[in-house]
């Protein structure tokens, strides 16, 4: 009886967490400061929006992926080693 109750509780918790995480999928909100997109400097899974191979934020699979970007304060991207204002091929 306890195992059945635990199993049902675990299944409900998993379903709820999956539904909640799906509600937040998509592009990151634009920041309140003056910004620019900086390509090629993102850690895996930390990108702010879609790439050529992924459809939403947080889905890049490799560090410094050339088409993955993050928002940075305007004028900052050119100061970051490997940063670019355009996607890299």
Foldseek 3Di string as FASTA:
>chain_A
DVVVVVVVVVVVVVVVVVVVVVVPWAAADDDPAAKAKKAQAAAQQQARADFPVGGTHRHHHHGRQQGGIHIDHPPCQVVDVSIDRDGDD
